[in-house]
């Protein structure tokens, strides 16, 4: 077999997944040049890298502005790159959203708007609805991130507190032709969920947003409660004629990234079990299911034989109950280590393909059969760390954090369990 040592193998597979989702793929999805102007807007962790690539391959003139996360900028010549905060929005995000809306003002039917979207775009496109303050948006963002809500639930709320999300950017671009080029970071690749769907119809309603608030028992600032109750202006819905000028093209997805890793693994002589790109739920519970599959392979050689690789993607959640430094991938991996309890020959990597596990400086972490033993030798209690949502601290103590820096793409989580 041609695979390398376990950690190098896992990192090689992660790199293959990330490489398959780089912005260079947008060259295959470009619309034809228009008679008039080309204006580029966008937001997300990959927005700057996408803008740089678009400048490289576009045959004519263009101008515009995109927003990306602090530290994720890329050098551009014609498209302005603005940086803002993620996952909690800040004033810089408000400035970026306002400039994006100004950039698409006064266009004609002969003009073309190219919108570059990727994961993180929702937090970066921060333009509160009338009567809502930035501080209000920051507070609801903190509560949504801590309560374990799914991305579709969070975005249902965000869209109805925003002046730009949920199709409202598309309305502002009219009557110009609008083509969105997107890198998906969500389960199901739903355009209405990616970056809170600023350029597509929104099937969610104010009632849906209120239901999310009630489900998780969130305590909203009074202005937000009043707005959701008043329902001042609903987002454009599917079939809305005002969106007839808008087109949407996916250039990279989580499934394609997993398939790229699977193909690389097969070239290395591994038998691959691909669980899919739609794994959701609590990170620690998803880890227990993965551990059960790994034990089945180890004990019975089924559903695939060793040397084996279990691959999965999606977006798990973490309901914060402790005070540790978490991240859903480090939490997944810590729970996996506990569930496997040192099972020989089993190694794992769990990481976010954007290089940031939650809001920390690591992409994720690596696990080995001796992870728990090494932790115990250092006096680090795995169970206590998991209870405190401190996966980051646990793997930092072992020197097993995976630190990549910004990858300039984002196709959600990547999980690989290697059985040798």
Protein backbone atom coordinates (compact mmCIF):
# COMPACT_ATOMS: atom_id res chain seq x y z
CA UNK A 1 0.00 0.00 0.00
CA UNK A 2 1.22 3.49 -0.90
CA UNK A 3 -0.23 5.55 1.97
CA UNK A 4 2.09 7.58 4.19
CA UNK A 5 2.17 7.66 7.97
CA UNK A 6 -1.31 8.20 9.46
CA UNK A 7 -1.13 11.91 10.18
CA UNK A 8 0.46 12.73 6.83
CA UNK A 9 -2.17 10.62 5.09
CA UNK A 10 -5.02 12.42 6.80
CA UNK A 11 -3.53 15.83 6.05
CA UNK A 12 -3.02 14.85 2.41
CA UNK A 13 -6.69 13.89 2.12
CA UNK A 14 -7.80 17.16 3.74
CA UNK A 15 -5.62 19.10 1.32
CA UNK A 16 -7.14 17.22 -1.62
CA UNK A 17 -10.64 18.17 -0.48
CA UNK A 18 -9.69 21.83 -0.09
CA UNK A 19 -7.87 21.96 -3.43
CA UNK A 20 -10.96 20.71 -5.24
CA UNK A 21 -12.98 23.67 -3.97
CA UNK A 22 -10.63 26.53 -4.75
CA UNK A 23 -11.98 29.64 -6.52
CA UNK A 24 -10.18 28.73 -9.76
CA UNK A 25 -13.25 26.67 -10.59
CA UNK A 26 -15.25 29.81 -11.32
CA UNK A 27 -13.59 30.15 -14.76
CA UNK A 28 -15.86 27.34 -15.99
CA UNK A 29 -19.04 29.14 -14.91
CA UNK A 30 -18.69 32.67 -16.24
CA UNK A 31 -21.52 34.42 -18.10
CA UNK A 32 -20.82 36.16 -21.43
CA UNK A 33 -19.72 39.81 -21.26
CA UNK A 34 -22.64 42.28 -21.39
CA UNK A 35 -23.15 45.31 -23.61
CA UNK A 36 -22.81 47.58 -20.61
CA UNK A 37 -20.90 47.67 -17.33
CA UNK A 38 -19.72 44.76 -15.18
CA UNK A 39 -20.08 45.29 -11.43
CA UNK A 40 -18.75 42.68 -9.00
CA UNK A 41 -20.08 42.35 -5.45
CA UNK A 42 -19.94 39.56 -2.91
CA UNK A 43 -19.23 38.33 0.58
CA UNK A 44 -17.73 35.32 2.33
CA UNK A 45 -14.49 33.83 3.53
CA UNK A 46 -13.56 33.03 -0.09
CA UNK A 47 -14.87 36.29 -1.58
CA UNK A 48 -11.48 37.99 -1.93
CA UNK A 49 -9.83 34.94 -3.49
CA UNK A 50 -12.80 34.60 -5.84
CA UNK A 51 -12.48 38.28 -6.80
CA UNK A 52 -8.78 37.86 -7.51
CA UNK A 53 -9.48 34.86 -9.73
CA UNK A 54 -12.31 36.66 -11.52
CA UNK A 55 -9.99 39.55 -12.32
CA UNK A 56 -7.51 37.08 -13.76
CA UNK A 57 -9.93 35.34 -16.13
CA UNK A 58 -12.49 38.03 -17.04
CA UNK A 59 -11.91 39.34 -20.58
CA UNK A 60 -12.97 42.96 -20.05
CA UNK A 61 -13.33 45.84 -17.62
CA UNK A 62 -15.00 45.52 -14.22
CA UNK A 63 -15.33 47.25 -10.87
CA UNK A 64 -16.92 46.47 -7.55
CA UNK A 65 -16.54 45.59 -3.89
CA UNK A 66 -16.55 42.38 -1.84
CA UNK A 67 -16.44 41.69 1.90
CA UNK A 68 -14.37 38.97 3.54
CA UNK A 69 -13.31 37.93 7.03
CA UNK A 70 -10.39 39.64 8.72
CA UNK A 71 -7.20 37.93 7.57
CA UNK A 72 -8.79 36.46 4.42
CA UNK A 73 -8.02 39.30 2.00
CA UNK A 74 -6.28 38.72 -1.34
CA UNK A 75 -4.58 41.25 -3.62
CA UNK A 76 -6.88 42.69 -6.29
CA UNK A 77 -6.59 45.56 -8.77
CA UNK A 78 -10.12 46.49 -9.88
CA UNK A 79 -12.34 45.02 -7.17
CA UNK A 80 -12.15 46.57 -3.71
CA UNK A 81 -11.78 44.07 -0.86
CA UNK A 82 -13.13 45.08 2.55
CA UNK A 83 -12.57 43.04 5.71
CA UNK A 84 -15.08 42.60 8.52
CA UNK A 85 -15.83 40.39 11.51
CA UNK A 86 -17.10 36.81 11.49
CA UNK A 87 -19.02 35.11 13.09
CA UNK A 88 -20.15 38.11 15.20
CA UNK A 89 -20.81 41.07 12.86
CA UNK A 90 -19.20 44.48 13.37
CA UNK A 91 -19.39 48.04 12.06
CA UNK A 92 -17.00 47.21 9.23
CA UNK A 93 -19.57 44.71 7.94
CA UNK A 94 -22.19 47.45 7.91
CA UNK A 95 -19.89 49.69 5.86
CA UNK A 96 -19.18 46.84 3.44
CA UNK A 97 -22.88 46.05 2.95
CA UNK A 98 -23.70 49.72 2.35
CA UNK A 99 -20.93 50.00 -0.25
CA UNK A 100 -22.14 46.84 -1.98
CA UNK A 101 -25.65 48.28 -2.26
CA UNK A 102 -24.28 51.57 -3.59
CA UNK A 103 -22.23 49.71 -6.19
CA UNK A 104 -25.37 48.25 -7.81
CA UNK A 105 -27.41 51.45 -7.83
CA UNK A 106 -28.55 52.94 -11.14
CA UNK A 107 -27.73 50.00 -13.41
CA UNK A 108 -29.51 49.26 -16.68
CA UNK A 109 -30.66 46.13 -18.48
CA UNK A 110 -27.40 46.20 -20.46
CA UNK A 111 -25.31 45.85 -17.30
CA UNK A 112 -24.16 42.71 -15.49
CA UNK A 113 -23.71 42.13 -11.78
CA UNK A 114 -21.55 39.17 -10.76
CA UNK A 115 -22.07 38.24 -7.11
CA UNK A 116 -19.40 36.09 -5.44
CA UNK A 117 -20.73 34.22 -2.42
CA UNK A 118 -19.23 31.74 0.02
CA UNK A 119 -19.61 30.62 3.61
CA UNK A 120 -19.47 33.39 6.19
CA UNK A 121 -21.24 35.82 3.89
CA UNK A 122 -24.23 36.17 6.19
CA UNK A 123 -22.22 37.62 9.09
CA UNK A 124 -20.16 39.79 6.74
CA UNK A 125 -23.20 41.31 4.99
CA UNK A 126 -24.32 43.24 8.04
CA UNK A 127 -26.97 45.82 7.26
CA UNK A 128 -29.63 45.87 9.99
CA UNK A 129 -33.23 46.47 9.02
CA UNK A 130 -34.76 49.83 9.87
CA UNK A 131 -35.08 50.27 13.61
CA UNK A 132 -32.48 47.59 14.41
CA UNK A 133 -29.04 48.53 15.77
CA UNK A 134 -25.74 46.78 15.18
CA UNK A 135 -25.64 45.97 18.88
CA UNK A 136 -29.00 44.24 18.57
CA UNK A 137 -27.71 42.16 15.64
CA UNK A 138 -24.57 41.24 17.58
CA UNK A 139 -26.61 40.07 20.56
CA UNK A 140 -28.91 37.83 18.52
CA UNK A 141 -25.87 36.45 16.66
CA UNK A 142 -24.24 35.44 19.94
CA UNK A 143 -27.38 33.72 21.13
CA UNK A 144 -27.94 31.88 17.86
CA UNK A 145 -24.35 30.61 17.81
CA UNK A 146 -24.55 29.37 21.40
CA UNK A 147 -27.95 27.66 21.35
CA UNK A 148 -27.18 24.90 18.83
CA UNK A 149 -29.48 26.18 16.07
CA UNK A 150 -28.91 24.85 12.56
CA UNK A 151 -27.64 27.17 9.84
CA UNK A 152 -31.03 27.26 8.11
CA UNK A 153 -32.66 28.28 11.39
CA UNK A 154 -30.08 30.96 12.08
CA UNK A 155 -30.46 32.35 8.59
CA UNK A 156 -34.26 32.48 8.82
CA UNK A 157 -33.77 34.92 11.68
CA UNK A 158 -30.90 36.83 10.08
CA UNK A 159 -32.79 37.40 6.83
CA UNK A 160 -35.72 39.01 8.61
CA UNK A 161 -33.52 41.39 10.56
CA UNK A 162 -31.55 42.50 7.48
CA UNK A 163 -31.86 45.07 4.70
CA UNK A 164 -29.71 43.06 2.26
CA UNK A 165 -30.16 39.32 2.87
CA UNK A 166 -32.97 37.03 1.76
CA UNK A 167 -33.13 38.24 -1.87
CA UNK A 168 -32.98 41.93 -1.07
CA UNK A 169 -29.60 42.40 -2.77
CA UNK A 170 -31.07 40.88 -5.94
CA UNK A 171 -33.90 43.41 -5.87
CA UNK A 172 -31.36 46.22 -5.58
CA UNK A 173 -29.49 44.99 -8.67
CA UNK A 174 -32.51 45.15 -10.98
CA UNK A 175 -32.90 45.65 -13.90
CA UNK A 176 -29.30 44.54 -14.52
CA UNK A 177 -28.66 40.86 -15.19
CA UNK A 178 -27.41 39.18 -12.01
CA UNK A 179 -25.28 36.03 -11.97
CA UNK A 180 -24.25 34.60 -8.61
CA UNK A 181 -21.20 32.33 -8.44
CA UNK A 182 -21.24 30.48 -5.14
CA UNK A 183 -19.14 28.07 -3.12
CA UNK A 184 -21.54 26.06 -0.96
CA UNK A 185 -20.86 25.51 2.72
CA UNK A 186 -24.32 24.22 3.64
CA UNK A 187 -26.01 20.83 3.75
CA UNK A 188 -28.05 20.39 0.60
CA UNK A 189 -26.35 23.28 -1.24
CA UNK A 190 -29.51 25.38 -0.93
CA UNK A 191 -28.89 28.85 -2.45
CA UNK A 192 -31.41 30.32 -0.02
CA UNK A 193 -29.18 29.23 2.88
CA UNK A 194 -25.70 29.99 1.51
CA UNK A 195 -24.73 33.38 3.00
CA UNK A 196 -28.44 33.88 3.87
CA UNK A 197 -29.38 33.95 0.17
CA UNK A 198 -28.97 37.67 -0.66
CA UNK A 199 -29.56 37.06 -4.39
CA UNK A 200 -32.32 34.42 -4.40
CA UNK A 201 -35.90 34.02 -3.27
CA UNK A 202 -36.44 33.31 0.41
CA UNK A 203 -38.95 30.60 1.36
CA UNK A 204 -38.71 31.46 5.07
CA UNK A 205 -41.05 33.95 6.75
CA UNK A 206 -41.26 36.20 9.77
CA UNK A 207 -43.31 33.45 11.39
CA UNK A 208 -40.45 31.00 10.80
CA UNK A 209 -38.02 33.42 12.42
CA UNK A 210 -40.28 33.80 15.47
CA UNK A 211 -40.57 30.00 15.69
CA UNK A 212 -36.77 29.68 15.87
CA UNK A 213 -36.64 32.27 18.65
CA UNK A 214 -39.32 30.40 20.58
CA UNK A 215 -37.79 26.96 19.98
CA UNK A 216 -34.48 27.93 21.58
CA UNK A 217 -35.92 30.30 24.19
CA UNK A 218 -33.85 33.25 23.01
CA UNK A 219 -34.19 36.59 24.79
CA UNK A 220 -34.17 39.20 22.03
CA UNK A 221 -33.66 42.94 22.47
CA UNK A 222 -37.05 44.70 22.38
CA UNK A 223 -36.43 46.28 18.95
CA UNK A 224 -35.91 42.87 17.36
CA UNK A 225 -39.00 41.38 18.95
CA UNK A 226 -41.03 44.35 17.74
CA UNK A 227 -39.75 44.04 14.18
CA UNK A 228 -40.44 40.30 13.94
CA UNK A 229 -43.96 40.85 15.26
CA UNK A 230 -44.67 43.79 12.97
CA UNK A 231 -43.59 42.00 9.76
CA UNK A 232 -42.90 45.28 7.92
CA UNK A 233 -41.78 43.93 4.55
CA UNK A 234 -41.51 40.24 3.72
CA UNK A 235 -38.56 38.92 1.75
CA UNK A 236 -39.20 38.02 -1.94
CA UNK A 237 -40.61 34.51 -2.27
CA UNK A 238 -40.09 31.79 -4.92
CA UNK A 239 -41.80 32.79 -8.16
CA UNK A 240 -41.41 36.52 -7.50
CA UNK A 241 -41.22 38.20 -10.92
CA UNK A 242 -38.80 40.78 -9.53
CA UNK A 243 -36.09 38.10 -9.47
CA UNK A 244 -36.42 37.10 -13.13
CA UNK A 245 -33.11 38.82 -13.91
CA UNK A 246 -31.17 36.66 -11.42
CA UNK A 247 -29.27 33.42 -12.10
CA UNK A 248 -27.38 31.19 -9.65
CA UNK A 249 -24.39 28.91 -10.35
CA UNK A 250 -22.63 26.63 -7.83
CA UNK A 251 -18.91 26.33 -8.53
CA UNK A 252 -17.89 24.10 -5.59
CA UNK A 253 -19.75 21.93 -3.08
CA UNK A 254 -19.02 19.78 -0.02
CA UNK A 255 -19.84 16.57 -1.91
CA UNK A 256 -17.33 17.34 -4.67
CA UNK A 257 -14.67 17.96 -2.02
CA UNK A 258 -15.40 14.64 -0.32
CA UNK A 259 -15.27 12.86 -3.66
CA UNK A 260 -11.87 14.41 -4.37
CA UNK A 261 -10.58 13.09 -1.04
CA UNK A 262 -12.10 9.68 -1.72
CA UNK A 263 -10.38 9.45 -5.08
CA UNK A 264 -7.06 10.39 -3.50
CA UNK A 265 -7.58 7.76 -0.79
CA UNK A 266 -8.28 5.06 -3.36
CA UNK A 267 -5.05 5.94 -5.16
CA UNK A 268 -3.32 5.38 -1.82
CA UNK A 269 -4.80 1.88 -1.51
CA UNK A 270 -7.52 2.65 1.02
CA UNK A 271 -11.03 1.21 1.00
CA UNK A 272 -13.37 4.18 1.28
CA UNK A 273 -16.71 4.44 3.06
CA UNK A 274 -18.22 7.81 2.12
CA UNK A 275 -21.04 8.69 4.50
CA UNK A 276 -22.01 11.81 2.58
CA UNK A 277 -21.99 15.57 2.97
CA UNK A 278 -25.14 15.93 5.06
CA UNK A 279 -24.16 14.97 8.61
CA UNK A 280 -25.88 17.30 11.09
CA UNK A 281 -26.80 17.32 14.77
CA UNK A 282 -24.73 17.71 17.92
CA UNK A 283 -21.03 17.20 17.19
CA UNK A 284 -20.49 14.93 20.18
CA UNK A 285 -23.42 12.69 19.20
CA UNK A 286 -22.33 12.47 15.55
CA UNK A 287 -18.94 11.34 16.83
CA UNK A 288 -20.49 8.42 18.69
CA UNK A 289 -22.13 7.22 15.47
CA UNK A 290 -18.84 7.47 13.60
CA UNK A 291 -17.11 5.58 16.40
CA UNK A 292 -19.68 2.79 16.09
CA UNK A 293 -18.97 2.45 12.38
CA UNK A 294 -15.23 2.38 13.05
CA UNK A 295 -15.68 -0.38 15.62
CA UNK A 296 -17.74 -2.39 13.13
CA UNK A 297 -14.94 -2.15 10.55
CA UNK A 298 -12.29 -3.01 13.14
CA UNK A 299 -14.17 -6.06 14.45
CA UNK A 300 -15.81 -7.43 11.33
CA UNK A 301 -14.19 -5.88 8.26
CA UNK A 302 -17.55 -4.49 7.19
CA UNK A 303 -18.95 -2.53 5.47
CA UNK A 304 -15.38 -2.09 4.17
CA UNK A 305 -12.19 -3.90 5.06
CA UNK A 306 -8.99 -2.45 6.42
CA UNK A 307 -7.07 -0.40 5.42
CA UNK A 308 -10.19 1.73 5.49
CA UNK A 309 -11.18 5.36 5.41
CA UNK A 310 -14.48 6.75 6.70
CA UNK A 311 -15.28 10.13 5.15
CA UNK A 312 -18.08 12.53 6.02
CA UNK A 313 -19.02 16.17 5.70
CA UNK A 314 -21.85 18.45 6.69
CA UNK A 315 -22.23 20.87 9.56
CA UNK A 316 -22.66 19.70 13.12
CA UNK A 317 -23.60 22.02 15.94
CA UNK A 318 -22.49 22.59 19.52
CA UNK A 319 -24.86 23.63 22.28
CA UNK A 320 -22.61 25.60 24.61
CA UNK A 321 -22.95 24.52 28.22
CA UNK A 322 -19.36 24.94 29.36
CA UNK A 323 -16.88 27.80 29.18
CA UNK A 324 -14.08 26.17 27.21
CA UNK A 325 -12.66 27.11 23.83
CA UNK A 326 -14.55 24.85 21.49
CA UNK A 327 -15.26 24.55 17.80
CA UNK A 328 -17.52 21.85 16.42
CA UNK A 329 -14.70 19.85 14.83
CA UNK A 330 -12.52 19.75 17.93
CA UNK A 331 -15.62 18.79 19.94
CA UNK A 332 -16.42 16.03 17.44
CA UNK A 333 -12.88 14.69 17.65
CA UNK A 334 -12.72 14.77 21.44
CA UNK A 335 -16.01 12.89 21.67
CA UNK A 336 -14.72 10.43 19.05
CA UNK A 337 -11.55 9.79 21.05
CA UNK A 338 -13.58 9.07 24.17
CA UNK A 339 -15.96 6.76 22.29
CA UNK A 340 -13.10 4.81 20.67
CA UNK A 341 -11.19 4.59 23.96
CA UNK A 342 -7.81 3.98 22.33
CA UNK A 343 -8.98 1.44 19.74
CA UNK A 344 -5.75 0.30 18.06
CA UNK A 345 -4.98 1.41 14.53
CA UNK A 346 -7.60 4.16 14.37
CA UNK A 347 -6.63 7.74 13.53
CA UNK A 348 -8.81 10.72 12.66
CA UNK A 349 -8.89 14.29 11.45
CA UNK A 350 -11.82 16.69 11.75
CA UNK A 351 -11.54 20.21 10.39
CA UNK A 352 -13.38 23.06 8.75
CA UNK A 353 -12.30 23.52 5.14
CA UNK A 354 -12.08 27.30 5.59
CA UNK A 355 -9.23 26.85 8.09
CA UNK A 356 -11.26 28.16 11.04
CA UNK A 357 -13.01 25.82 13.47
CA UNK A 358 -15.72 28.13 14.77
CA UNK A 359 -13.97 31.33 15.79
CA UNK A 360 -10.61 29.87 16.78
CA UNK A 361 -7.26 29.99 14.98
CA UNK A 362 -7.23 26.28 14.15
CA UNK A 363 -8.95 24.40 11.34
CA UNK A 364 -9.56 21.42 13.61
CA UNK A 365 -7.42 18.70 15.16
CA UNK A 366 -5.94 15.21 14.79
CA UNK A 367 -6.58 12.10 16.89
CA UNK A 368 -4.57 8.91 17.35
CA UNK A 369 -4.99 5.67 19.34
CA UNK A 370 -2.80 7.11 22.11
CA UNK A 371 -4.63 10.44 22.37
CA UNK A 372 -6.38 9.65 25.66
CA UNK A 373 -3.28 8.05 27.17
CA UNK A 374 -1.10 11.05 26.33
CA UNK A 375 -3.73 13.38 27.76
CA UNK A 376 -3.94 11.37 30.98
CA UNK A 377 -0.16 11.49 31.33
CA UNK A 378 -0.39 15.29 31.19
CA UNK A 379 -3.21 15.37 33.73
CA UNK A 380 -5.75 16.44 31.10
CA UNK A 381 -9.20 14.92 31.74
CA UNK A 382 -10.89 14.24 28.40
CA UNK A 383 -14.37 13.85 29.87
CA UNK A 384 -14.12 17.07 31.84
CA UNK A 385 -12.87 18.95 28.79
CA UNK A 386 -15.77 17.67 26.71
CA UNK A 387 -18.27 18.68 29.40
CA UNK A 388 -16.72 22.16 29.31
CA UNK A 389 -16.86 22.37 25.48
CA UNK A 390 -13.06 22.69 25.53
CA UNK A 391 -11.96 20.57 22.58
CA UNK A 392 -9.54 23.31 21.56
CA UNK A 393 -7.82 23.32 24.93
CA UNK A 394 -7.65 19.52 25.00
CA UNK A 395 -5.91 19.17 21.63
CA UNK A 396 -3.76 22.26 22.20
CA UNK A 397 -2.34 20.59 25.32
CA UNK A 398 -1.32 17.60 23.18
CA UNK A 399 0.07 19.68 20.32
CA UNK A 400 -2.49 18.09 17.99
CA UNK A 401 -4.36 21.12 16.69
CA UNK A 402 -4.52 21.38 12.90
CA UNK A 403 -3.51 24.93 11.98
CA UNK A 404 -3.69 25.81 8.29
CA UNK A 405 -4.46 29.52 8.23
CA UNK A 406 -7.14 30.81 5.83
CA UNK A 407 -7.66 28.38 2.94
CA UNK A 408 -9.63 30.90 0.83
CA UNK A 409 -12.49 28.50 0.29
CA UNK A 410 -15.22 26.98 2.44
CA UNK A 411 -17.13 23.76 1.74
CA UNK A 412 -18.01 23.00 5.34
CA UNK A 413 -16.64 20.31 7.62
CA UNK A 414 -14.30 17.51 6.64
CA UNK A 415 -14.04 14.38 8.77
CA UNK A 416 -11.77 11.44 8.02
CA UNK A 417 -11.25 8.33 10.16
CA UNK A 418 -8.38 6.07 9.10
CA UNK A 419 -8.24 2.41 10.13
CA UNK A 420 -4.93 0.66 9.51
